[in-house]
PDB file of N, CA and C in Angstrom:
ATOM      1  N   UNK A   1      16.398 -58.363  -9.376  1.00  0.00           N
ATOM      2  CA  UNK A   1      16.783 -57.033  -9.239  1.00  0.00           C
ATOM      3  C   UNK A   1      18.217 -57.027  -8.793  1.00  0.00           C
ATOM      4  N   UNK A   2      18.910 -56.147  -9.404  1.00  0.00           N
ATOM      5  CA  UNK A   2      20.303 -55.955  -9.223  1.00  0.00           C
ATOM      6  C   UNK A   2      20.538 -55.014  -7.980  1.00  0.00           C
ATOM      7  N   UNK A   3      21.732 -54.986  -7.395  1.00  0.00           N
ATOM      8  CA  UNK A   3      22.044 -54.052  -6.284  1.00  0.00           C
ATOM      9  C   UNK A   3      21.911 -52.626  -6.716  1.00  0.00           C
ATOM     10  N   UNK A   4      22.250 -52.348  -7.903  1.00  0.00           N
ATOM     11  CA  UNK A   4      22.195 -50.950  -8.414  1.00  0.00           C
ATOM     12  C   UNK A   4      20.702 -50.525  -8.512  1.00  0.00           C
ATOM     13  N   UNK A   5      19.791 -51.386  -9.092  1.00  0.00           N
ATOM     14  CA  UNK A   5      18.336 -50.980  -9.044  1.00  0.00           C
ATOM     15  C   UNK A   5      17.764 -50.755  -7.677  1.00  0.00           C
ATOM     16  N   UNK A   6      18.234 -51.578  -6.706  1.00  0.00           N
ATOM     17  CA  UNK A   6      17.770 -51.345  -5.351  1.00  0.00           C
ATOM     18  C   UNK A   6      18.198 -50.058  -4.794  1.00  0.00           C
ATOM     19  N   UNK A   7      19.506 -49.707  -5.092  1.00  0.00           N
ATOM     20  CA  UNK A   7      20.085 -48.468  -4.622  1.00  0.00           C
ATOM     21  C   UNK A   7      19.282 -47.224  -5.242  1.00  0.00           C
ATOM     22  N   UNK A   8      18.947 -47.272  -6.496  1.00  0.00           N
ATOM     23  CA  UNK A   8      18.271 -46.191  -7.151  1.00  0.00           C
ATOM     24  C   UNK A   8      16.916 -46.034  -6.507  1.00  0.00           C
ATOM     25  N   UNK A   9      16.251 -47.011  -6.078  1.00  0.00           N
ATOM     26  CA  UNK A   9      14.943 -46.890  -5.460  1.00  0.00           C
ATOM     27  C   UNK A   9      15.056 -46.358  -4.073  1.00  0.00           C
ATOM     28  N   UNK A  10      16.063 -46.679  -3.382  1.00  0.00           N
ATOM     29  CA  UNK A  10      16.214 -46.227  -1.963  1.00  0.00           C
ATOM     30  C   UNK A  10      16.871 -44.859  -1.921  1.00  0.00           C
ATOM     31  N   UNK A  11      17.461 -44.341  -2.962  1.00  0.00           N
ATOM     32  CA  UNK A  11      18.181 -43.094  -2.964  1.00  0.00           C
ATOM     33  C   UNK A  11      17.240 -41.902  -2.862  1.00  0.00           C
ATOM     34  N   UNK A  12      16.076 -42.020  -3.250  1.00  0.00           N
ATOM     35  CA  UNK A  12      15.102 -40.859  -3.107  1.00  0.00           C
ATOM     36  C   UNK A  12      14.705 -40.357  -4.488  1.00  0.00           C
ATOM     37  N   UNK A  13      14.137 -39.189  -4.512  1.00  0.00           N
ATOM     38  CA  UNK A  13      13.588 -38.661  -5.815  1.00  0.00           C
ATOM     39  C   UNK A  13      14.789 -38.196  -6.699  1.00  0.00           C
ATOM     40  N   UNK A  14      14.453 -38.256  -8.040  1.00  0.00           N
ATOM     41  CA  UNK A  14      15.434 -37.800  -8.999  1.00  0.00           C
ATOM     42  C   UNK A  14      15.222 -36.261  -9.121  1.00  0.00           C
ATOM     43  N   UNK A  15      16.312 -35.537  -9.128  1.00  0.00           N
ATOM     44  CA  UNK A  15      16.139 -34.070  -9.195  1.00  0.00           C
ATOM     45  C   UNK A  15      16.650 -33.660 -10.579  1.00  0.00           C
ATOM     46  N   UNK A  16      15.836 -32.819 -11.227  1.00  0.00           N
ATOM     47  CA  UNK A  16      16.152 -32.366 -12.599  1.00  0.00           C
ATOM     48  C   UNK A  16      16.170 -30.794 -12.623  1.00  0.00           C
ATOM     49  N   UNK A  17      16.871 -30.240 -13.535  1.00  0.00           N
ATOM     50  CA  UNK A  17      16.925 -28.900 -13.740  1.00  0.00           C
ATOM     51  C   UNK A  17      15.598 -28.315 -14.339  1.00  0.00           C
ATOM     52  N   UNK A  18      15.002 -27.252 -13.777  1.00  0.00           N
ATOM     53  CA  UNK A  18      13.818 -26.677 -14.360  1.00  0.00           C
ATOM     54  C   UNK A  18      14.054 -25.991 -15.708  1.00  0.00           C
ATOM     55  N   UNK A  19      13.169 -26.107 -16.622  1.00  0.00           N
ATOM     56  CA  UNK A  19      13.201 -25.528 -17.907  1.00  0.00           C
ATOM     57  C   UNK A  19      12.005 -24.640 -18.111  1.00  0.00           C
ATOM     58  N   UNK A  20      12.209 -23.295 -18.297  1.00  0.00           N
ATOM     59  CA  UNK A  20      11.092 -22.418 -18.498  1.00  0.00           C
ATOM     60  C   UNK A  20      11.064 -21.861 -19.929  1.00  0.00           C
ATOM     61  N   UNK A  21       9.843 -21.562 -20.348  1.00  0.00           N
ATOM     62  CA  UNK A  21       9.701 -21.076 -21.770  1.00  0.00           C
ATOM     63  C   UNK A  21      10.188 -19.672 -21.887  1.00  0.00           C
ATOM     64  N   UNK A  22      10.554 -19.249 -23.047  1.00  0.00           N
ATOM     65  CA  UNK A  22      10.938 -17.928 -23.313  1.00  0.00           C
ATOM     66  C   UNK A  22       9.729 -17.074 -23.553  1.00  0.00           C
ATOM     67  N   UNK A  23       9.469 -15.978 -22.714  1.00  0.00           N
ATOM     68  CA  UNK A  23       8.285 -15.138 -22.805  1.00  0.00           C
ATOM     69  C   UNK A  23       8.491 -14.017 -23.785  1.00  0.00           C
ATOM     70  N   UNK A  24       9.607 -13.905 -24.458  1.00  0.00           N
ATOM     71  CA  UNK A  24       9.906 -12.912 -25.365  1.00  0.00           C
ATOM     72  C   UNK A  24      10.304 -11.502 -24.839  1.00  0.00           C
ATOM     73  N   UNK A  25      10.603 -11.457 -23.460  1.00  0.00           N
ATOM     74  CA  UNK A  25      11.033 -10.215 -22.879  1.00  0.00           C
ATOM     75  C   UNK A  25      12.574 -10.311 -22.743  1.00  0.00           C
ATOM     76  N   UNK A  26      13.255  -9.375 -23.390  1.00  0.00           N
ATOM     77  CA  UNK A  26      14.733  -9.387 -23.347  1.00  0.00           C
ATOM     78  C   UNK A  26      15.106  -8.059 -22.818  1.00  0.00           C
ATOM     79  N   UNK A  27      15.565  -8.006 -21.518  1.00  0.00           N
ATOM     80  CA  UNK A  27      15.889  -6.645 -20.997  1.00  0.00           C
ATOM     81  C   UNK A  27      17.152  -6.096 -21.726  1.00  0.00           C
ATOM     82  N   UNK A  28      17.964  -6.844 -22.407  1.00  0.00           N
ATOM     83  CA  UNK A  28      19.131  -6.265 -23.105  1.00  0.00           C
ATOM     84  C   UNK A  28      18.714  -5.282 -24.070  1.00  0.00           C
ATOM     85  N   UNK A  29      17.620  -5.442 -24.759  1.00  0.00           N
ATOM     86  CA  UNK A  29      17.201  -4.458 -25.770  1.00  0.00           C
ATOM     87  C   UNK A  29      16.565  -3.195 -25.142  1.00  0.00           C
ATOM     88  N   UNK A  30      15.682  -3.373 -24.126  1.00  0.00           N
ATOM     89  CA  UNK A  30      15.125  -2.283 -23.338  1.00  0.00           C
ATOM     90  C   UNK A  30      15.134  -2.673 -21.880  1.00  0.00           C
ATOM     91  N   UNK A  31      16.091  -2.004 -21.072  1.00  0.00           N
ATOM     92  CA  UNK A  31      16.244  -2.449 -19.704  1.00  0.00           C
ATOM     93  C   UNK A  31      14.941  -2.184 -18.867  1.00  0.00           C
ATOM     94  N   UNK A  32      14.109  -1.312 -19.185  1.00  0.00           N
ATOM     95  CA  UNK A  32      12.921  -1.066 -18.462  1.00  0.00           C
ATOM     96  C   UNK A  32      11.657  -1.889 -18.905  1.00  0.00           C
ATOM     97  N   UNK A  33      11.897  -2.617 -20.000  1.00  0.00           N
ATOM     98  CA  UNK A  33      10.767  -3.405 -20.594  1.00  0.00           C
ATOM     99  C   UNK A  33      10.078  -4.325 -19.565  1.00  0.00           C
ATOM    100  N   UNK A  34      10.909  -5.072 -18.783  1.00  0.00           N
ATOM    101  CA  UNK A  34      10.318  -5.956 -17.849  1.00  0.00           C
ATOM    102  C   UNK A  34       9.637  -5.289 -16.705  1.00  0.00           C
ATOM    103  N   UNK A  35      10.154  -4.119 -16.275  1.00  0.00           N
ATOM    104  CA  UNK A  35       9.507  -3.434 -15.161  1.00  0.00           C
ATOM    105  C   UNK A  35       8.187  -2.856 -15.665  1.00  0.00           C
ATOM    106  N   UNK A  36       8.146  -2.180 -16.851  1.00  0.00           N
ATOM    107  CA  UNK A  36       6.893  -1.637 -17.370  1.00  0.00           C
ATOM    108  C   UNK A  36       5.892  -2.764 -17.636  1.00  0.00           C
ATOM    109  N   UNK A  37       6.354  -3.897 -18.131  1.00  0.00           N
ATOM    110  CA  UNK A  37       5.329  -4.911 -18.348  1.00  0.00           C
ATOM    111  C   UNK A  37       4.783  -5.423 -17.085  1.00  0.00           C
ATOM    112  N   UNK A  38       5.574  -5.590 -16.027  1.00  0.00           N
ATOM    113  CA  UNK A  38       5.116  -6.057 -14.674  1.00  0.00           C
ATOM    114  C   UNK A  38       4.283  -4.973 -14.088  1.00  0.00           C
ATOM    115  N   UNK A  39       4.550  -3.729 -14.120  1.00  0.00           N
ATOM    116  CA  UNK A  39       3.699  -2.681 -13.452  1.00  0.00           C
ATOM    117  C   UNK A  39       2.429  -2.535 -14.165  1.00  0.00           C
ATOM    118  N   UNK A  40       2.231  -2.758 -15.448  1.00  0.00           N
ATOM    119  CA  UNK A  40       1.041  -2.521 -16.194  1.00  0.00           C
ATOM    120  C   UNK A  40      -0.055  -3.525 -15.583  1.00  0.00           C
ATOM    121  N   UNK A  41       0.349  -4.624 -15.056  1.00  0.00           N
ATOM    122  CA  UNK A  41      -0.612  -5.570 -14.474  1.00  0.00           C
ATOM    123  C   UNK A  41      -1.124  -5.208 -13.154  1.00  0.00           C
ATOM    124  N   UNK A  42      -0.454  -4.166 -12.426  1.00  0.00           N
ATOM    125  CA  UNK A  42      -0.894  -3.838 -11.049  1.00  0.00           C
ATOM    126  C   UNK A  42      -1.385  -2.453 -10.992  1.00  0.00           C
ATOM    127  N   UNK A  43      -1.391  -1.705 -12.037  1.00  0.00           N
ATOM    128  CA  UNK A  43      -1.770  -0.307 -11.987  1.00  0.00           C
ATOM    129  C   UNK A  43      -3.201  -0.038 -11.464  1.00  0.00           C
ATOM    130  N   UNK A  44      -4.141  -1.019 -11.652  1.00  0.00           N
ATOM    131  CA  UNK A  44      -5.521  -0.844 -11.215  1.00  0.00           C
ATOM    132  C   UNK A  44      -5.748  -1.551  -9.881  1.00  0.00           C
ATOM    133  N   UNK A  45      -4.711  -2.126  -9.261  1.00  0.00           N
ATOM    134  CA  UNK A  45      -4.867  -2.734  -7.898  1.00  0.00           C
ATOM    135  C   UNK A  45      -5.142  -1.709  -6.877  1.00  0.00           C
ATOM    136  N   UNK A  46      -6.232  -1.837  -6.079  1.00  0.00           N
ATOM    137  CA  UNK A  46      -6.545  -0.800  -5.062  1.00  0.00           C
ATOM    138  C   UNK A  46      -5.713  -1.075  -3.790  1.00  0.00           C
ATOM    139  N   UNK A  47      -5.305   0.037  -3.246  1.00  0.00           N
ATOM    140  CA  UNK A  47      -4.550  -0.068  -1.971  1.00  0.00           C
ATOM    141  C   UNK A  47      -5.271   0.829  -0.954  1.00  0.00           C
ATOM    142  N   UNK A  48      -5.104   0.454   0.381  1.00  0.00           N
ATOM    143  CA  UNK A  48      -5.745   1.184   1.410  1.00  0.00           C
ATOM    144  C   UNK A  48      -4.962   2.428   1.859  1.00  0.00           C
ATOM    145  N   UNK A  49      -5.441   3.546   1.722  1.00  0.00           N
ATOM    146  CA  UNK A  49      -4.732   4.763   2.132  1.00  0.00           C
ATOM    147  C   UNK A  49      -5.420   5.364   3.384  1.00  0.00           C
ATOM    148  N   UNK A  50      -4.595   5.624   4.395  1.00  0.00           N
ATOM    149  CA  UNK A  50      -5.118   6.162   5.704  1.00  0.00           C
ATOM    150  C   UNK A  50      -4.341   7.319   6.102  1.00  0.00           C
ATOM    151  N   UNK A  51      -5.146   8.379   6.566  1.00  0.00           N
ATOM    152  CA  UNK A  51      -4.507   9.611   7.027  1.00  0.00           C
ATOM    153  C   UNK A  51      -4.598   9.487   8.637  1.00  0.00           C
ATOM    154  N   UNK A  52      -3.513   9.440   9.298  1.00  0.00           N
ATOM    155  CA  UNK A  52      -3.465   9.213  10.711  1.00  0.00           C
ATOM    156  C   UNK A  52      -3.112  10.451  11.425  1.00  0.00           C
ATOM    157  N   UNK A  53      -3.980  11.110  12.236  1.00  0.00           N
ATOM    158  CA  UNK A  53      -3.629  12.274  12.935  1.00  0.00           C
ATOM    159  C   UNK A  53      -2.896  12.072  14.203  1.00  0.00           C
ATOM    160  N   UNK A  54      -2.965  10.838  14.821  1.00  0.00           N
ATOM    161  CA  UNK A  54      -2.251  10.555  16.011  1.00  0.00           C
ATOM    162  C   UNK A  54      -2.742   9.220  16.466  1.00  0.00           C
ATOM    163  N   UNK A  55      -2.159   8.793  17.774  1.00  0.00           N
ATOM    164  CA  UNK A  55      -2.487   7.539  18.287  1.00  0.00           C
ATOM    165  C   UNK A  55      -2.620   7.775  19.887  1.00  0.00           C
ATOM    166  N   UNK A  56      -3.248   6.751  20.482  1.00  0.00           N
ATOM    167  CA  UNK A  56      -3.401   6.759  21.934  1.00  0.00           C
ATOM    168  C   UNK A  56      -3.713   5.343  22.366  1.00  0.00           C
ATOM    169  N   UNK A  57      -2.994   4.954  23.358  1.00  0.00           N
ATOM    170  CA  UNK A  57      -3.371   3.608  23.961  1.00  0.00           C
ATOM    171  C   UNK A  57      -4.094   3.929  25.198  1.00  0.00           C
ATOM    172  N   UNK A  58      -5.261   3.222  25.372  1.00  0.00           N
ATOM    173  CA  UNK A  58      -6.180   3.495  26.462  1.00  0.00           C
ATOM    174  C   UNK A  58      -6.524   2.181  27.148  1.00  0.00           C
ATOM    175  N   UNK A  59      -6.748   2.187  28.484  1.00  0.00           N
ATOM    176  CA  UNK A  59      -7.254   0.938  29.073  1.00  0.00           C
ATOM    177  C   UNK A  59      -8.702   0.828  28.806  1.00  0.00           C
ATOM    178  N   UNK A  60      -9.284  -0.333  28.908  1.00  0.00           N
ATOM    179  CA  UNK A  60     -10.725  -0.569  28.641  1.00  0.00           C
ATOM    180  C   UNK A  60     -11.540   0.302  29.438  1.00  0.00           C
ATOM    181  N   UNK A  61     -11.176   0.528  30.681  1.00  0.00           N
ATOM    182  CA  UNK A  61     -11.971   1.403  31.621  1.00  0.00           C
ATOM    183  C   UNK A  61     -12.222   2.724  31.003  1.00  0.00           C
ATOM    184  N   UNK A  62     -11.132   3.345  30.393  1.00  0.00           N
ATOM    185  CA  UNK A  62     -11.302   4.671  29.774  1.00  0.00           C
ATOM    186  C   UNK A  62     -12.077   4.599  28.465  1.00  0.00           C
ATOM    187  N   UNK A  63     -11.926   3.556  27.727  1.00  0.00           N
ATOM    188  CA  UNK A  63     -12.740   3.373  26.462  1.00  0.00           C
ATOM    189  C   UNK A  63     -14.227   3.284  26.796  1.00  0.00           C
ATOM    190  N   UNK A  64     -14.540   2.532  27.838  1.00  0.00           N
ATOM    191  CA  UNK A  64     -15.974   2.350  28.149  1.00  0.00           C
ATOM    192  C   UNK A  64     -16.588   3.650  28.672  1.00  0.00           C
ATOM    193  N   UNK A  65     -15.730   4.531  29.180  1.00  0.00           N
ATOM    194  CA  UNK A  65     -16.246   5.806  29.690  1.00  0.00           C
ATOM    195  C   UNK A  65     -16.427   6.815  28.576  1.00  0.00           C
ATOM    196  N   UNK A  66     -16.013   6.534  27.375  1.00  0.00           N
ATOM    197  CA  UNK A  66     -16.150   7.545  26.305  1.00  0.00           C
ATOM    198  C   UNK A  66     -17.660   7.734  25.872  1.00  0.00           C
ATOM    199  N   UNK A  67     -17.908   8.891  25.566  1.00  0.00           N
ATOM    200  CA  UNK A  67     -19.354   9.230  25.123  1.00  0.00           C
ATOM    201  C   UNK A  67     -19.313  10.508  24.267  1.00  0.00           C
ATOM    202  N   UNK A  68     -20.475  10.937  23.801  1.00  0.00           N
ATOM    203  CA  UNK A  68     -20.576  12.119  23.030  1.00  0.00           C
ATOM    204  C   UNK A  68     -19.992  13.234  23.816  1.00  0.00           C
ATOM    205  N   UNK A  69     -19.032  14.039  23.198  1.00  0.00           N
ATOM    206  CA  UNK A  69     -18.395  15.137  23.806  1.00  0.00           C
ATOM    207  C   UNK A  69     -17.007  14.737  24.455  1.00  0.00           C
ATOM    208  N   UNK A  70     -16.729  13.501  24.514  1.00  0.00           N
ATOM    209  CA  UNK A  70     -15.392  13.118  25.113  1.00  0.00           C
ATOM    210  C   UNK A  70     -14.297  13.609  24.184  1.00  0.00           C
ATOM    211  N   UNK A  71     -13.210  14.044  24.831  1.00  0.00           N
ATOM    212  CA  UNK A  71     -12.077  14.399  24.109  1.00  0.00           C
ATOM    213  C   UNK A  71     -10.895  13.422  24.350  1.00  0.00           C
ATOM    214  N   UNK A  72     -10.280  13.005  23.297  1.00  0.00           N
ATOM    215  CA  UNK A  72      -9.165  11.984  23.379  1.00  0.00           C
ATOM    216  C   UNK A  72      -7.945  12.688  22.966  1.00  0.00           C
ATOM    217  N   UNK A  73      -6.962  12.849  23.980  1.00  0.00           N
ATOM    218  CA  UNK A  73      -5.654  13.417  23.591  1.00  0.00           C
ATOM    219  C   UNK A  73      -4.830  12.435  22.893  1.00  0.00           C
ATOM    220  N   UNK A  74      -4.204  12.925  21.779  1.00  0.00           N
ATOM    221  CA  UNK A  74      -3.389  12.057  20.916  1.00  0.00           C
ATOM    222  C   UNK A  74      -1.924  12.299  21.159  1.00  0.00           C
ATOM    223  N   UNK A  75      -0.977  11.473  20.622  1.00  0.00           N
ATOM    224  CA  UNK A  75       0.384  11.627  20.785  1.00  0.00           C
ATOM    225  C   UNK A  75       1.111  12.677  19.995  1.00  0.00           C
ATOM    226  N   UNK A  76       0.360  13.318  19.038  1.00  0.00           N
ATOM    227  CA  UNK A  76       0.972  14.280  18.113  1.00  0.00           C
ATOM    228  C   UNK A  76       0.645  15.651  18.520  1.00  0.00           C
ATOM    229  N   UNK A  77       1.689  16.563  18.589  1.00  0.00           N
ATOM    230  CA  UNK A  77       1.477  17.921  18.918  1.00  0.00           C
ATOM    231  C   UNK A  77       0.641  18.631  17.790  1.00  0.00           C
ATOM    232  N   UNK A  78      -0.180  19.603  18.202  1.00  0.00           N
ATOM    233  CA  UNK A  78      -0.954  20.427  17.175  1.00  0.00           C
ATOM    234  C   UNK A  78       0.047  21.091  16.245  1.00  0.00           C
ATOM    235  N   UNK A  79      -0.299  21.076  14.973  1.00  0.00           N
ATOM    236  CA  UNK A  79       0.502  21.672  13.954  1.00  0.00           C
ATOM    237  C   UNK A  79       1.492  20.784  13.334  1.00  0.00           C
ATOM    238  N   UNK A  80       1.729  19.637  13.881  1.00  0.00           N
ATOM    239  CA  UNK A  80       2.675  18.622  13.285  1.00  0.00           C
ATOM    240  C   UNK A  80       2.024  17.914  12.195  1.00  0.00           C
ATOM    241  N   UNK A  81       2.708  17.561  11.080  1.00  0.00           N
ATOM    242  CA  UNK A  81       2.151  16.873   9.971  1.00  0.00           C
ATOM    243  C   UNK A  81       1.565  15.530  10.357  1.00  0.00           C
ATOM    244  N   UNK A  82       0.491  15.128   9.690  1.00  0.00           N
ATOM    245  CA  UNK A  82      -0.101  13.845  10.011  1.00  0.00           C
ATOM    246  C   UNK A  82       0.612  12.835   9.095  1.00  0.00           C
ATOM    247  N   UNK A  83       0.444  11.556   9.444  1.00  0.00           N
ATOM    248  CA  UNK A  83       1.064  10.454   8.622  1.00  0.00           C
ATOM    249  C   UNK A  83       0.037   9.963   7.674  1.00  0.00           C
ATOM    250  N   UNK A  84       0.551   9.776   6.468  1.00  0.00           N
ATOM    251  CA  UNK A  84      -0.309   9.177   5.399  1.00  0.00           C
ATOM    252  C   UNK A  84       0.249   7.719   5.229  1.00  0.00           C
ATOM    253  N   UNK A  85      -0.645   6.753   5.517  1.00  0.00           N
ATOM    254  CA  UNK A  85      -0.205   5.393   5.433  1.00  0.00           C
ATOM    255  C   UNK A  85      -0.728   4.702   4.197  1.00  0.00           C
ATOM    256  N   UNK A  86       0.055   3.823   3.542  1.00  0.00           N
ATOM    257  CA  UNK A  86      -0.300   3.106   2.391  1.00  0.00           C
ATOM    258  C   UNK A  86      -0.184   1.697   2.763  1.00  0.00           C
ATOM    259  N   UNK A  87      -1.286   0.933   2.880  1.00  0.00           N
ATOM    260  CA  UNK A  87      -1.376  -0.392   3.294  1.00  0.00           C
ATOM    261  C   UNK A  87      -0.678  -0.625   4.673  1.00  0.00           C
ATOM    262  N   UNK A  88      -0.921   0.409   5.584  1.00  0.00           N
ATOM    263  CA  UNK A  88      -0.395   0.282   6.924  1.00  0.00           C
ATOM    264  C   UNK A  88       1.070   0.729   7.110  1.00  0.00           C
ATOM    265  N   UNK A  89       1.693   1.208   6.039  1.00  0.00           N
ATOM    266  CA  UNK A  89       3.051   1.721   6.162  1.00  0.00           C
ATOM    267  C   UNK A  89       3.094   3.218   5.823  1.00  0.00           C
ATOM    268  N   UNK A  90       3.942   3.911   6.605  1.00  0.00           N
ATOM    269  CA  UNK A  90       4.020   5.321   6.414  1.00  0.00           C
ATOM    270  C   UNK A  90       4.561   5.634   4.955  1.00  0.00           C
ATOM    271  N   UNK A  91       3.909   6.323   4.238  1.00  0.00           N
ATOM    272  CA  UNK A  91       4.165   6.690   2.816  1.00  0.00           C
ATOM    273  C   UNK A  91       4.530   8.142   2.618  1.00  0.00           C
ATOM    274  N   UNK A  92       3.860   8.938   3.413  1.00  0.00           N
ATOM    275  CA  UNK A  92       4.055  10.405   3.249  1.00  0.00           C
ATOM    276  C   UNK A  92       3.622  11.123   4.529  1.00  0.00           C
ATOM    277  N   UNK A  93       3.871  12.448   4.539  1.00  0.00           N
ATOM    278  CA  UNK A  93       3.405  13.396   5.586  1.00  0.00           C
ATOM    279  C   UNK A  93       2.545  14.386   4.994  1.00  0.00           C
ATOM    280  N   UNK A  94       1.564  14.984   5.710  1.00  0.00           N
ATOM    281  CA  UNK A  94       0.706  15.948   5.034  1.00  0.00           C
ATOM    282  C   UNK A  94      -0.082  16.749   6.095  1.00  0.00           C
ATOM    283  N   UNK A  95      -0.924  17.600   5.619  1.00  0.00           N
ATOM    284  CA  UNK A  95      -1.738  18.494   6.407  1.00  0.00           C
ATOM    285  C   UNK A  95      -3.206  18.370   6.008  1.00  0.00           C
ATOM    286  N   UNK A  96      -4.074  18.665   6.991  1.00  0.00           N
ATOM    287  CA  UNK A  96      -5.545  18.556   6.652  1.00  0.00           C
ATOM    288  C   UNK A  96      -5.985  19.760   6.011  1.00  0.00           C
ATOM    289  N   UNK A  97      -6.776  19.631   4.936  1.00  0.00           N
ATOM    290  CA  UNK A  97      -7.312  20.811   4.243  1.00  0.00           C
ATOM    291  C   UNK A  97      -8.806  20.464   3.923  1.00  0.00           C
ATOM    292  N   UNK A  98      -9.515  21.544   3.497  1.00  0.00           N
ATOM    293  CA  UNK A  98     -10.888  21.245   3.074  1.00  0.00           C
ATOM    294  C   UNK A  98     -10.922  21.448   1.591  1.00  0.00           C
ATOM    295  N   UNK A  99     -11.569  20.464   0.852  1.00  0.00           N
ATOM    296  CA  UNK A  99     -11.607  20.450  -0.612  1.00  0.00           C
ATOM    297  C   UNK A  99     -13.049  20.203  -0.896  1.00  0.00           C
ATOM    298  N   UNK A 100     -13.738  21.249  -1.527  1.00  0.00           N
ATOM    299  CA  UNK A 100     -15.101  21.095  -1.887  1.00  0.00           C
ATOM    300  C   UNK A 100     -16.015  20.600  -0.660  1.00  0.00           C
ATOM    301  N   UNK A 101     -15.864  21.170   0.444  1.00  0.00           N
ATOM    302  CA  UNK A 101     -16.606  20.848   1.678  1.00  0.00           C
ATOM    303  C   UNK A 101     -16.383  19.469   2.245  1.00  0.00           C
ATOM    304  N   UNK A 102     -15.265  18.820   1.862  1.00  0.00           N
ATOM    305  CA  UNK A 102     -14.957  17.561   2.483  1.00  0.00           C
ATOM    306  C   UNK A 102     -13.415  17.682   2.936  1.00  0.00           C
ATOM    307  N   UNK A 103     -13.091  16.897   3.971  1.00  0.00           N
ATOM    308  CA  UNK A 103     -11.742  16.877   4.477  1.00  0.00           C
ATOM    309  C   UNK A 103     -10.859  16.137   3.424  1.00  0.00           C
ATOM    310  N   UNK A 104      -9.586  16.763   3.354  1.00  0.00           N
ATOM    311  CA  UNK A 104      -8.680  16.133   2.394  1.00  0.00           C
ATOM    312  C   UNK A 104      -7.282  16.289   2.986  1.00  0.00           C
ATOM    313  N   UNK A 105      -6.273  15.648   2.328  1.00  0.00           N
ATOM    314  CA  UNK A 105      -4.881  15.761   2.857  1.00  0.00           C
ATOM    315  C   UNK A 105      -4.025  16.317   1.796  1.00  0.00           C
ATOM    316  N   UNK A 106      -3.317  17.386   2.125  1.00  0.00           N
ATOM    317  CA  UNK A 106      -2.246  17.886   1.149  1.00  0.00           C
ATOM    318  C   UNK A 106      -1.011  17.245   1.547  1.00  0.00           C
ATOM    319  N   UNK A 107      -0.361  16.535   0.666  1.00  0.00           N
ATOM    320  CA  UNK A 107       0.899  15.926   0.874  1.00  0.00           C
ATOM    321  C   UNK A 107       2.002  16.956   0.912  1.00  0.00           C
ATOM    322  N   UNK A 108       2.765  16.931   1.960  1.00  0.00           N
ATOM    323  CA  UNK A 108       3.850  17.914   2.133  1.00  0.00           C
ATOM    324  C   UNK A 108       5.260  17.286   1.951  1.00  0.00           C
ATOM    325  N   UNK A 109       5.305  15.930   2.217  1.00  0.00           N
ATOM    326  CA  UNK A 109       6.546  15.209   2.135  1.00  0.00           C
ATOM    327  C   UNK A 109       6.257  13.713   1.792  1.00  0.00           C
ATOM    328  N   UNK A 110       6.984  13.235   0.840  1.00  0.00           N
ATOM    329  CA  UNK A 110       6.900  11.814   0.473  1.00  0.00           C
ATOM    330  C   UNK A 110       8.162  11.068   1.175  1.00  0.00           C
ATOM    331  N   UNK A 111       7.816  10.067   1.989  1.00  0.00           N
ATOM    332  CA  UNK A 111       8.885   9.339   2.722  1.00  0.00           C
ATOM    333  C   UNK A 111       9.629   8.420   1.754  1.00  0.00           C
ATOM    334  N   UNK A 112      10.951   8.248   2.042  1.00  0.00           N
ATOM    335  CA  UNK A 112      11.712   7.282   1.253  1.00  0.00           C
ATOM    336  C   UNK A 112      11.366   5.908   1.797  1.00  0.00           C
ATOM    337  N   UNK A 113      11.410   4.789   0.974  1.00  0.00           N
ATOM    338  CA  UNK A 113      11.135   3.468   1.486  1.00  0.00           C
ATOM    339  C   UNK A 113      12.253   3.109   2.496  1.00  0.00           C
ATOM    340  N   UNK A 114      11.907   2.250   3.486  1.00  0.00           N
ATOM    341  CA  UNK A 114      12.797   1.900   4.510  1.00  0.00           C
ATOM    342  C   UNK A 114      14.118   1.375   4.024  1.00  0.00           C
ATOM    343  N   UNK A 115      14.083   0.533   3.009  1.00  0.00           N
ATOM    344  CA  UNK A 115      15.244  -0.079   2.415  1.00  0.00           C
ATOM    345  C   UNK A 115      16.196   0.941   1.824  1.00  0.00           C
ATOM    346  N   UNK A 116      15.722   2.092   1.340  1.00  0.00           N
ATOM    347  CA  UNK A 116      16.592   3.100   0.877  1.00  0.00           C
ATOM    348  C   UNK A 116      17.079   3.965   1.988  1.00  0.00           C
ATOM    349  N   UNK A 117      16.330   4.201   3.038  1.00  0.00           N
ATOM    350  CA  UNK A 117      16.824   4.929   4.181  1.00  0.00           C
ATOM    351  C   UNK A 117      18.078   4.159   4.836  1.00  0.00           C
ATOM    352  N   UNK A 118      17.892   2.824   4.923  1.00  0.00           N
ATOM    353  CA  UNK A 118      18.907   2.067   5.486  1.00  0.00           C
ATOM    354  C   UNK A 118      20.265   2.123   4.653  1.00  0.00           C
ATOM    355  N   UNK A 119      20.097   2.091   3.319  1.00  0.00           N
ATOM    356  CA  UNK A 119      21.255   2.144   2.448  1.00  0.00           C
ATOM    357  C   UNK A 119      21.942   3.491   2.554  1.00  0.00           C
ATOM    358  N   UNK A 120      21.174   4.594   2.704  1.00  0.00           N
ATOM    359  CA  UNK A 120      21.816   5.940   2.923  1.00  0.00           C
ATOM    360  C   UNK A 120      22.544   5.987   4.206  1.00  0.00           C
ATOM    361  N   UNK A 121      22.038   5.483   5.288  1.00  0.00           N
ATOM    362  CA  UNK A 121      22.676   5.463   6.573  1.00  0.00           C
ATOM    363  C   UNK A 121      24.026   4.802   6.510  1.00  0.00           C
ATOM    364  N   UNK A 122      24.132   3.676   5.711  1.00  0.00           N
ATOM    365  CA  UNK A 122      25.298   2.938   5.637  1.00  0.00           C
ATOM    366  C   UNK A 122      26.229   3.438   4.527  1.00  0.00           C
ATOM    367  N   UNK A 123      25.965   4.645   3.938  1.00  0.00           N
ATOM    368  CA  UNK A 123      26.774   5.177   2.842  1.00  0.00           C
ATOM    369  C   UNK A 123      26.771   4.445   1.500  1.00  0.00           C
ATOM    370  N   UNK A 124      25.686   3.777   1.236  1.00  0.00           N
ATOM    371  CA  UNK A 124      25.581   3.024  -0.039  1.00  0.00           C
ATOM    372  C   UNK A 124      24.809   3.820  -1.096  1.00  0.00           C
TER     373      UNK A 124
END
């Protein structure tokens, strides 16, 4: 064994550049092609939508005292829009309505994503 062979073994793993196959998507021809192709795979993915009328933090003592007829005061004033959450994040604001004898939410405002709000605040 030569000193060079011994050095190669002790030097660690050999690092090579990754080579990926061409999938035939070329954004230069259609800039939205990659986005449309990517979105088509997730259009049927289900997301959890929650209408939140308010919140309240309560000690266990008060929770254990709850029963039929109990009233829980929430943090949101009457008449203020409720929050519509999508996978736990505020997505929109709305109001409670009745649709075919069931409760529903009429969207009154769609919120901007947090990353866009931050860019606006910094003048970007």
